Amino acid sequence: MVATRELEAWFLGAKESLRGVRGIKPGANAPPDPESVRGAKERLSRNMERGRSYFEVDDQPAFAATFDLAAARTRCPSFQFLCDELRRLLAEIAVA
């Protein structure tokens, strides 16, 4: 399993932690079911200050470095799955 639709759905799931980062509006809130959003990139753009829009090459690294992992795990089942699998793989490596 990978991001259900777009990697950016994980950013939507932790949007409160991105407030003020690269133009995300101070009052931006996560949608109830971020992974069901079609057009997550466009949704991020709509949550940015006037004159800004989401641009993967510039914004994705900053958002990835900042977003709240716990919020994304709680709201995005595919992100929780990724975390669980990484934890499992790291445990296997540690035992080997």
C-alpha atoms as a PDB file:
ATOM      1  CA  MET A   1       0.000   0.000   0.000  1.00  0.00           C
ATOM      2  CA  VAL A   2       1.193   3.510  -0.822  1.00  0.00           C
ATOM      3  CA  ALA A   3      -0.433   6.945  -0.632  1.00  0.00           C
ATOM      4  CA  THR A   4      -4.041   6.340  -1.584  1.00  0.00           C
ATOM      5  CA  ARG A   5      -4.192   8.995  -4.278  1.00  0.00           C
ATOM      6  CA  GLU A   6      -1.378  11.471  -3.833  1.00  0.00           C
ATOM      7  CA  LEU A   7       1.449  11.925  -1.369  1.00  0.00           C
ATOM      8  CA  GLU A   8      -0.025  15.359  -0.708  1.00  0.00           C
ATOM      9  CA  ALA A   9      -3.022  13.715   0.995  1.00  0.00           C
ATOM     10  CA  TRP A  10      -0.651  13.048   3.905  1.00  0.00           C
ATOM     11  CA  PHE A  11       0.123  16.770   4.048  1.00  0.00           C
ATOM     12  CA  LEU A  12      -3.613  17.486   4.084  1.00  0.00           C
ATOM     13  CA  GLY A  13      -3.962  15.089   7.009  1.00  0.00           C
ATOM     14  CA  ALA A  14      -1.472  17.120   9.020  1.00  0.00           C
ATOM     15  CA  LYS A  15      -2.357  20.534   7.624  1.00  0.00           C
ATOM     16  CA  GLU A  16      -2.536  22.275  11.009  1.00  0.00           C
ATOM     17  CA  SER A  17       1.192  21.597  11.460  1.00  0.00           C
ATOM     18  CA  LEU A  18       1.894  23.294   8.116  1.00  0.00           C
ATOM     19  CA  ARG A  19       0.262  26.609   9.009  1.00  0.00           C
ATOM     20  CA  GLY A  20       2.664  29.393   8.080  1.00  0.00           C
ATOM     21  CA  VAL A  21       4.935  27.047   6.126  1.00  0.00           C
ATOM     22  CA  ARG A  22       5.474  28.123   2.514  1.00  0.00           C
ATOM     23  CA  GLY A  23       2.265  30.134   2.450  1.00  0.00           C
ATOM     24  CA  ILE A  24      -0.216  27.799   4.153  1.00  0.00           C
ATOM     25  CA  LYS A  25      -2.848  30.044   5.759  1.00  0.00           C
ATOM     26  CA  PRO A  26      -2.853  30.403   9.559  1.00  0.00           C
ATOM     27  CA  GLY A  27      -6.408  29.030   9.839  1.00  0.00           C
ATOM     28  CA  ALA A  28      -5.973  26.016   7.540  1.00  0.00           C
ATOM     29  CA  ASN A  29      -7.484  22.779   8.876  1.00  0.00           C
ATOM     30  CA  ALA A  30      -7.273  19.175   7.773  1.00  0.00           C
ATOM     31  CA  PRO A  31     -10.298  17.766   5.941  1.00  0.00           C
ATOM     32  CA  PRO A  32     -12.170  14.937   7.717  1.00  0.00           C
ATOM     33  CA  ASP A  33     -10.922  12.231   5.301  1.00  0.00           C
ATOM     34  CA  PRO A  34      -7.770  13.541   3.596  1.00  0.00           C
ATOM     35  CA  GLU A  35      -7.160  10.417   1.537  1.00  0.00           C
ATOM     36  CA  SER A  36     -10.560  10.730  -0.149  1.00  0.00           C
ATOM     37  CA  VAL A  37      -9.706  14.183  -1.518  1.00  0.00           C
ATOM     38  CA  ARG A  38      -9.232  14.215  -5.258  1.00  0.00           C
ATOM     39  CA  GLY A  39      -6.770  16.886  -6.274  1.00  0.00           C
ATOM     40  CA  ALA A  40      -4.801  17.146  -3.034  1.00  0.00           C
ATOM     41  CA  LYS A  41      -2.270  19.455  -4.700  1.00  0.00           C
ATOM     42  CA  GLU A  42      -5.039  21.835  -5.713  1.00  0.00           C
ATOM     43  CA  ARG A  43      -6.524  21.682  -2.202  1.00  0.00           C
ATOM     44  CA  LEU A  44      -3.142  22.677  -0.770  1.00  0.00           C
ATOM     45  CA  SER A  45      -3.018  25.589  -3.217  1.00  0.00           C
ATOM     46  CA  ARG A  46      -6.460  26.767  -2.073  1.00  0.00           C
ATOM     47  CA  ASN A  47      -5.136  26.800   1.495  1.00  0.00           C
ATOM     48  CA  MET A  48      -2.229  29.072   0.615  1.00  0.00           C
ATOM     49  CA  GLU A  49      -2.010  32.823   0.881  1.00  0.00           C
ATOM     50  CA  ARG A  50      -3.159  34.846  -2.121  1.00  0.00           C
ATOM     51  CA  GLY A  51      -0.650  34.760  -4.960  1.00  0.00           C
ATOM     52  CA  ARG A  52       0.841  31.399  -3.878  1.00  0.00           C
ATOM     53  CA  SER A  53       0.102  27.938  -5.171  1.00  0.00           C
ATOM     54  CA  TYR A  54       1.519  24.542  -4.331  1.00  0.00           C
ATOM     55  CA  PHE A  55       4.569  23.653  -6.404  1.00  0.00           C
ATOM     56  CA  GLU A  56       5.878  20.142  -5.761  1.00  0.00           C
ATOM     57  CA  VAL A  57       9.556  20.818  -6.399  1.00  0.00           C
ATOM     58  CA  ASP A  58       9.690  23.702  -3.932  1.00  0.00           C
ATOM     59  CA  ASP A  59       6.968  22.931  -1.398  1.00  0.00           C
ATOM     60  CA  GLN A  60       7.099  19.151  -1.022  1.00  0.00           C
ATOM     61  CA  PRO A  61      10.520  19.032   0.713  1.00  0.00           C
ATOM     62  CA  ALA A  62       9.557  21.809   3.147  1.00  0.00           C
ATOM     63  CA  PHE A  63       6.221  20.160   3.954  1.00  0.00           C
ATOM     64  CA  ALA A  64       7.838  16.730   4.354  1.00  0.00           C
ATOM     65  CA  ALA A  65      10.359  18.160   6.798  1.00  0.00           C
ATOM     66  CA  THR A  66       7.661  19.883   8.854  1.00  0.00           C
ATOM     67  CA  PHE A  67       4.378  17.934   8.832  1.00  0.00           C
ATOM     68  CA  ASP A  68       3.121  16.266  12.016  1.00  0.00           C
ATOM     69  CA  LEU A  69       3.716  12.532  11.564  1.00  0.00           C
ATOM     70  CA  ALA A  70       1.313  11.590  14.360  1.00  0.00           C
ATOM     71  CA  ALA A  71      -1.514  13.604  12.800  1.00  0.00           C
ATOM     72  CA  ALA A  72      -0.857  12.027   9.410  1.00  0.00           C
ATOM     73  CA  ARG A  73      -0.845   8.533  10.967  1.00  0.00           C
ATOM     74  CA  THR A  74      -4.145   9.234  12.711  1.00  0.00           C
ATOM     75  CA  ARG A  75      -5.957  10.646   9.678  1.00  0.00           C
ATOM     76  CA  CYS A  76      -4.340   8.736   6.798  1.00  0.00           C
ATOM     77  CA  PRO A  77      -4.518   4.919   6.904  1.00  0.00           C
ATOM     78  CA  SER A  78      -1.988   4.540   4.084  1.00  0.00           C
ATOM     79  CA  PHE A  79       0.544   6.617   6.039  1.00  0.00           C
ATOM     80  CA  GLN A  80      -0.089   4.471   9.125  1.00  0.00           C
ATOM     81  CA  PHE A  81       0.491   1.388   6.978  1.00  0.00           C
ATOM     82  CA  LEU A  82       3.783   2.824   5.687  1.00  0.00           C
ATOM     83  CA  CYS A  83       4.955   3.559   9.245  1.00  0.00           C
ATOM     84  CA  ASP A  84       3.978   0.070  10.426  1.00  0.00           C
ATOM     85  CA  GLU A  85       5.824  -1.570   7.532  1.00  0.00           C
ATOM     86  CA  LEU A  86       8.940   0.518   8.068  1.00  0.00           C
ATOM     87  CA  ARG A  87       8.889  -0.359  11.770  1.00  0.00           C
ATOM     88  CA  ARG A  88       8.523  -4.058  10.902  1.00  0.00           C
ATOM     89  CA  LEU A  89      11.366  -3.958   8.362  1.00  0.00           C
ATOM     90  CA  LEU A  90      13.677  -2.142  10.766  1.00  0.00           C
ATOM     91  CA  ALA A  91      12.916  -4.724  13.463  1.00  0.00           C
ATOM     92  CA  GLU A  92      13.800  -7.521  11.011  1.00  0.00           C
ATOM     93  CA  ILE A  93      17.082  -5.812  10.138  1.00  0.00           C
ATOM     94  CA  ALA A  94      17.940  -5.362  13.825  1.00  0.00           C
ATOM     95  CA  VAL A  95      17.389  -9.071  14.501  1.00  0.00           C
ATOM     96  CA  ALA A  96      19.466 -10.207  11.521  1.00  0.00           C
END
